[in-house]
Protein backbone atom coordinates (compact mmCIF):
# COMPACT_ATOMS: atom_id res chain seq x y z
CA MET A 1 7.56 -10.78 -16.18
CA GLU A 2 8.36 -12.57 -19.38
CA PRO A 3 10.29 -15.85 -19.27
CA LEU A 4 13.87 -15.85 -20.48
CA PRO A 5 14.33 -16.57 -24.19
CA ASP A 6 16.18 -19.63 -25.39
CA LEU A 7 19.65 -18.48 -24.38
CA GLY A 8 21.44 -20.87 -26.72
CA SER A 9 19.81 -19.29 -29.74
CA LEU A 10 20.83 -15.71 -28.86
CA SER A 11 23.91 -14.00 -30.21
CA ASP A 12 26.28 -12.14 -27.90
CA ASP A 13 24.72 -8.85 -28.99
CA ASP A 14 21.22 -10.18 -28.28
CA LEU A 15 22.33 -11.31 -24.82
CA LYS A 16 23.76 -7.84 -24.14
CA LYS A 17 20.48 -6.25 -25.29
CA GLU A 18 18.51 -8.54 -22.94
CA ILE A 19 20.80 -7.62 -20.06
CA ASP A 20 20.43 -3.90 -20.84
CA GLN A 21 16.63 -4.19 -21.04
CA LEU A 22 16.44 -6.04 -17.73
CA LYS A 23 18.77 -3.53 -16.06
CA GLU A 24 16.58 -0.67 -17.32
CA HIS A 25 13.48 -2.46 -16.04
CA GLU A 26 15.18 -2.92 -12.66
CA ARG A 27 16.03 0.82 -12.54
CA GLU A 28 12.40 1.70 -13.24
CA ILE A 29 11.14 -0.65 -10.52
CA SER A 30 13.73 0.69 -8.08
CA TYR A 31 12.59 4.25 -8.80
CA GLN A 32 8.95 3.30 -8.20
CA ARG A 33 9.95 1.57 -4.95
CA ARG A 34 11.72 4.73 -3.74
CA ILE A 35 8.66 6.82 -4.61
CA LEU A 36 6.41 4.42 -2.67
CA HIS A 37 8.71 4.47 0.35
CA GLY A 38 8.67 8.27 0.27
CA LYS A 39 4.88 8.32 0.21
CA ILE A 40 4.74 5.82 3.07
CA ASP A 41 7.12 8.00 5.10
CA ILE A 42 4.95 11.09 4.46
CA LEU A 43 1.78 9.25 5.48
CA ARG A 44 3.40 7.88 8.64
CA ALA A 45 4.64 11.36 9.57
CA GLU A 46 1.11 12.72 9.11
CA LEU A 47 -0.30 9.94 11.29
CA VAL A 48 2.26 10.62 14.02
CA ALA A 49 1.47 14.35 13.88
CA ARG A 50 -2.25 13.66 14.21
CA LEU A 51 -1.75 11.26 17.11
CA GLN A 52 0.45 13.83 18.87
CA LYS A 53 -2.31 16.45 18.48
CA THR A 54 -4.91 14.12 20.03
CA GLY A 55 -2.64 12.84 22.78
CA GLY A 56 -2.54 9.38 21.21
CA GLN A 57 -6.33 9.07 21.17
CA SER A 58 -7.73 7.30 18.14
CA VAL A 59 -11.08 8.15 16.59
CA LEU A 60 -11.91 4.49 17.17
CA ASP A 61 -11.73 5.01 20.94
CA SER A 62 -15.21 6.57 20.83
CA VAL A 63 -16.78 3.96 18.52
CA ASP A 64 -19.25 1.46 19.98
CA VAL A 65 -17.70 -1.69 18.51
CA GLU A 66 -20.34 -4.03 19.95
CA SER A 67 -23.13 -2.01 18.36
CA LEU A 68 -21.33 -1.93 15.01
CA THR A 69 -20.74 -5.68 15.19
CA ALA A 70 -24.44 -6.30 15.82
CA ILE A 71 -25.42 -4.01 12.94
CA LEU A 72 -23.00 -5.68 10.53
CA ALA A 73 -24.17 -9.12 11.62
CA GLY A 74 -27.77 -8.06 10.91
CA LYS A 75 -28.79 -8.53 14.56
CA ALA A 76 -29.67 -4.90 15.14
CA THR A 77 -30.91 -1.94 13.19
CA PRO A 78 -28.70 1.07 12.70
CA PRO A 79 -29.52 4.12 14.84
CA GLU A 80 -31.70 6.84 13.33
CA GLN A 81 -29.97 9.86 11.78
CA GLY A 82 -29.12 12.30 14.56
CA ASP A 83 -28.94 9.58 17.23
CA SER A 84 -25.51 8.86 18.60
């Protein structure tokens, strides 16, 4: 965001133009915010629907976290393809 101009040097018309530009910018940001909130709502609804289908089970429930931690820390080698 740009800093405010020297207000003392602006005419009344220039001040009104600045106000109008900032109000338009605020409207654009508000519109984008509403779009983002809508997308968030859609994603949350999808997540809830998926969790309801799986009885609340997460795909992470079947992940071996200790094994993954060791692999990421370089203390173990990853399993061969086909091993689970």
